[in-house]
Amino acid sequence: MKVNNKFKIGDVVYFMNNNRITRGKIAYIRILASASFINIEYELASYGSACGGGTYSEVRLYKTREDLIKIL
């Protein structure tokens, strides 16, 4: 089974946090796979005062601020 993920460790990503656009840096990638599903989660390191870190699924993260704004 081949797993394709959107981001790699060290990438800066954008996401919504407390109704604000926030950015974070990917510190860890957690991949859970079985025969029926694949779940990819990213652990974000603190990046500035707005992001305290945390774990986010791939669907909540965007490569650019503009990509995130497009879905709002």
N, C-alpha and C. Protein backbone atom coordinates (compact mmCIF):
# COMPACT_ATOMS: atom_id res chain seq x y z
N MET A 1 0.85 -1.17 0.00
CA MET A 1 0.00 0.00 0.00
C MET A 1 0.90 1.24 0.00
N LYS A 2 0.60 2.18 -0.89
CA LYS A 2 1.34 3.42 -0.95
C LYS A 2 0.48 4.54 -0.37
N VAL A 3 1.06 5.34 0.51
CA VAL A 3 0.35 6.45 1.14
C VAL A 3 0.90 7.75 0.59
N ASN A 4 0.02 8.58 0.05
CA ASN A 4 0.41 9.89 -0.45
C ASN A 4 -0.12 10.96 0.49
N ASN A 5 0.78 11.74 1.05
CA ASN A 5 0.34 12.82 1.92
C ASN A 5 0.67 14.17 1.28
N LYS A 6 -0.10 15.20 1.64
CA LYS A 6 0.03 16.52 1.03
C LYS A 6 1.24 17.30 1.53
N PHE A 7 1.67 17.05 2.76
CA PHE A 7 2.70 17.87 3.39
C PHE A 7 3.84 17.01 3.91
N LYS A 8 4.97 17.67 4.19
CA LYS A 8 6.11 16.98 4.78
C LYS A 8 6.55 17.73 6.03
N ILE A 9 7.37 17.10 6.84
CA ILE A 9 7.86 17.72 8.06
C ILE A 9 8.62 19.00 7.70
N GLY A 10 8.31 20.06 8.42
CA GLY A 10 8.94 21.36 8.20
C GLY A 10 8.12 22.30 7.35
N ASP A 11 7.09 21.81 6.66
CA ASP A 11 6.23 22.67 5.85
C ASP A 11 5.44 23.62 6.75
N VAL A 12 5.26 24.84 6.28
CA VAL A 12 4.37 25.79 6.95
C VAL A 12 3.00 25.64 6.30
N VAL A 13 1.97 25.49 7.14
CA VAL A 13 0.60 25.29 6.65
C VAL A 13 -0.32 26.31 7.30
N TYR A 14 -1.49 26.48 6.68
CA TYR A 14 -2.49 27.42 7.16
C TYR A 14 -3.77 26.67 7.52
N PHE A 15 -4.45 27.14 8.58
CA PHE A 15 -5.66 26.48 9.05
C PHE A 15 -6.47 27.47 9.87
N MET A 16 -7.71 27.10 10.18
CA MET A 16 -8.56 27.95 11.01
C MET A 16 -8.42 27.53 12.47
N ASN A 17 -8.26 28.54 13.34
CA ASN A 17 -8.15 28.31 14.78
C ASN A 17 -8.86 29.46 15.47
N ASN A 18 -9.92 29.17 16.22
CA ASN A 18 -10.71 30.20 16.91
C ASN A 18 -11.19 31.26 15.93
N ASN A 19 -11.71 30.83 14.78
CA ASN A 19 -12.24 31.72 13.75
C ASN A 19 -11.21 32.68 13.17
N ARG A 20 -9.95 32.30 13.24
CA ARG A 20 -8.87 33.11 12.67
C ARG A 20 -7.99 32.24 11.80
N ILE A 21 -7.47 32.82 10.73
CA ILE A 21 -6.50 32.11 9.91
C ILE A 21 -5.18 32.08 10.67
N THR A 22 -4.65 30.88 10.81
CA THR A 22 -3.45 30.67 11.61
C THR A 22 -2.47 29.85 10.79
N ARG A 23 -1.20 29.99 11.09
CA ARG A 23 -0.21 29.16 10.41
C ARG A 23 0.59 28.37 11.45
N GLY A 24 1.07 27.23 11.01
CA GLY A 24 1.87 26.38 11.87
C GLY A 24 2.88 25.62 11.04
N LYS A 25 3.84 25.04 11.73
CA LYS A 25 4.88 24.27 11.06
C LYS A 25 4.72 22.80 11.44
N ILE A 26 4.75 21.92 10.45
CA ILE A 26 4.55 20.50 10.70
C ILE A 26 5.78 19.91 11.38
N ALA A 27 5.53 19.30 12.55
CA ALA A 27 6.60 18.69 13.32
C ALA A 27 6.61 17.17 13.19
N TYR A 28 5.42 16.56 13.14
CA TYR A 28 5.29 15.10 13.05
C TYR A 28 4.15 14.75 12.11
N ILE A 29 4.26 13.57 11.51
CA ILE A 29 3.18 13.05 10.69
C ILE A 29 2.79 11.68 11.24
N ARG A 30 1.50 11.51 11.50
CA ARG A 30 0.98 10.24 12.02
C ARG A 30 0.06 9.64 10.97
N ILE A 31 0.38 8.43 10.54
CA ILE A 31 -0.43 7.75 9.53
C ILE A 31 -0.99 6.47 10.15
N LEU A 32 -2.32 6.39 10.14
CA LEU A 32 -3.01 5.19 10.62
C LEU A 32 -3.65 4.53 9.41
N ALA A 33 -3.31 3.29 9.17
CA ALA A 33 -3.83 2.61 7.97
C ALA A 33 -4.34 1.22 8.33
N SER A 34 -5.41 0.85 7.66
CA SER A 34 -5.92 -0.51 7.74
C SER A 34 -6.34 -0.91 6.34
N ALA A 35 -6.95 -2.05 6.21
CA ALA A 35 -7.38 -2.50 4.89
C ALA A 35 -8.48 -1.61 4.31
N SER A 36 -9.24 -0.93 5.17
CA SER A 36 -10.38 -0.16 4.68
C SER A 36 -10.22 1.36 4.71
N PHE A 37 -9.21 1.88 5.42
CA PHE A 37 -9.07 3.33 5.46
C PHE A 37 -7.63 3.76 5.74
N ILE A 38 -7.35 5.02 5.43
CA ILE A 38 -6.08 5.65 5.76
C ILE A 38 -6.40 7.00 6.39
N ASN A 39 -5.84 7.26 7.55
CA ASN A 39 -6.03 8.55 8.23
C ASN A 39 -4.65 9.18 8.43
N ILE A 40 -4.49 10.41 7.93
CA ILE A 40 -3.22 11.12 8.06
C ILE A 40 -3.45 12.32 8.96
N GLU A 41 -2.65 12.43 10.03
CA GLU A 41 -2.74 13.55 10.95
C GLU A 41 -1.38 14.22 11.05
N TYR A 42 -1.40 15.53 11.25
CA TYR A 42 -0.16 16.30 11.35
C TYR A 42 -0.10 16.98 12.70
N GLU A 43 1.00 16.82 13.38
CA GLU A 43 1.25 17.50 14.64
C GLU A 43 2.00 18.79 14.31
N LEU A 44 1.43 19.92 14.74
CA LEU A 44 2.04 21.21 14.43
C LEU A 44 2.83 21.72 15.62
N ALA A 45 4.01 22.23 15.33
CA ALA A 45 4.82 22.88 16.34
C ALA A 45 4.33 24.31 16.50
N SER A 46 4.55 24.88 17.64
CA SER A 46 4.17 26.27 17.86
C SER A 46 4.88 27.15 16.84
N TYR A 47 4.14 28.05 16.22
CA TYR A 47 4.69 28.92 15.18
C TYR A 47 4.08 30.29 15.37
N GLY A 48 4.71 31.11 16.19
CA GLY A 48 4.15 32.42 16.50
C GLY A 48 3.17 32.30 17.66
N SER A 49 2.65 33.41 18.09
CA SER A 49 1.80 33.41 19.28
C SER A 49 0.41 32.85 19.02
N ALA A 50 -0.05 32.84 17.78
CA ALA A 50 -1.43 32.41 17.49
C ALA A 50 -1.58 30.90 17.47
N CYS A 51 -0.50 30.16 17.25
CA CYS A 51 -0.58 28.70 17.13
C CYS A 51 0.12 28.06 18.31
N GLY A 52 -0.61 27.34 19.12
CA GLY A 52 -0.02 26.65 20.25
C GLY A 52 0.32 25.22 19.94
N GLY A 53 0.30 24.86 18.69
CA GLY A 53 0.55 23.47 18.31
C GLY A 53 -0.76 22.72 18.25
N GLY A 54 -0.67 21.41 18.20
CA GLY A 54 -1.87 20.59 18.14
C GLY A 54 -1.82 19.63 16.98
N THR A 55 -2.83 18.76 16.91
CA THR A 55 -2.92 17.76 15.86
C THR A 55 -4.10 18.08 14.96
N TYR A 56 -3.86 18.04 13.64
CA TYR A 56 -4.88 18.40 12.67
C TYR A 56 -4.91 17.36 11.56
N SER A 57 -6.11 17.06 11.06
CA SER A 57 -6.23 16.14 9.94
C SER A 57 -5.84 16.88 8.66
N GLU A 58 -5.48 16.13 7.65
CA GLU A 58 -5.00 16.69 6.40
C GLU A 58 -6.02 17.61 5.72
N VAL A 59 -7.31 17.31 5.88
CA VAL A 59 -8.34 18.10 5.21
C VAL A 59 -8.50 19.49 5.81
N ARG A 60 -7.96 19.75 6.98
CA ARG A 60 -8.07 21.07 7.63
C ARG A 60 -6.88 21.97 7.35
N LEU A 61 -5.87 21.47 6.63
CA LEU A 61 -4.64 22.22 6.40
C LEU A 61 -4.50 22.61 4.94
N TYR A 62 -3.91 23.78 4.70
CA TYR A 62 -3.74 24.31 3.35
C TYR A 62 -2.32 24.81 3.15
N LYS A 63 -1.84 24.73 1.92
CA LYS A 63 -0.46 25.13 1.61
C LYS A 63 -0.27 26.64 1.66
N THR A 64 -1.29 27.39 1.28
CA THR A 64 -1.17 28.85 1.29
C THR A 64 -2.39 29.47 1.96
N ARG A 65 -2.22 30.69 2.38
CA ARG A 65 -3.31 31.45 2.97
C ARG A 65 -4.43 31.64 1.94
N GLU A 66 -4.05 31.86 0.69
CA GLU A 66 -5.02 32.07 -0.37
C GLU A 66 -5.87 30.83 -0.62
N ASP A 67 -5.27 29.65 -0.55
CA ASP A 67 -6.03 28.40 -0.71
C ASP A 67 -7.08 28.27 0.39
N LEU A 68 -6.73 28.64 1.60
CA LEU A 68 -7.67 28.58 2.71
C LEU A 68 -8.80 29.60 2.53
N ILE A 69 -8.46 30.80 2.12
CA ILE A 69 -9.48 31.84 1.91
C ILE A 69 -10.50 31.42 0.86
N LYS A 70 -10.06 30.69 -0.16
CA LYS A 70 -10.97 30.26 -1.23
C LYS A 70 -12.12 29.39 -0.72
N ILE A 71 -11.89 28.62 0.33
CA ILE A 71 -12.95 27.72 0.82
C ILE A 71 -13.85 28.37 1.85
N LEU A 72 -13.50 29.55 2.30
CA LEU A 72 -14.32 30.22 3.33
C LEU A 72 -15.57 30.83 2.75
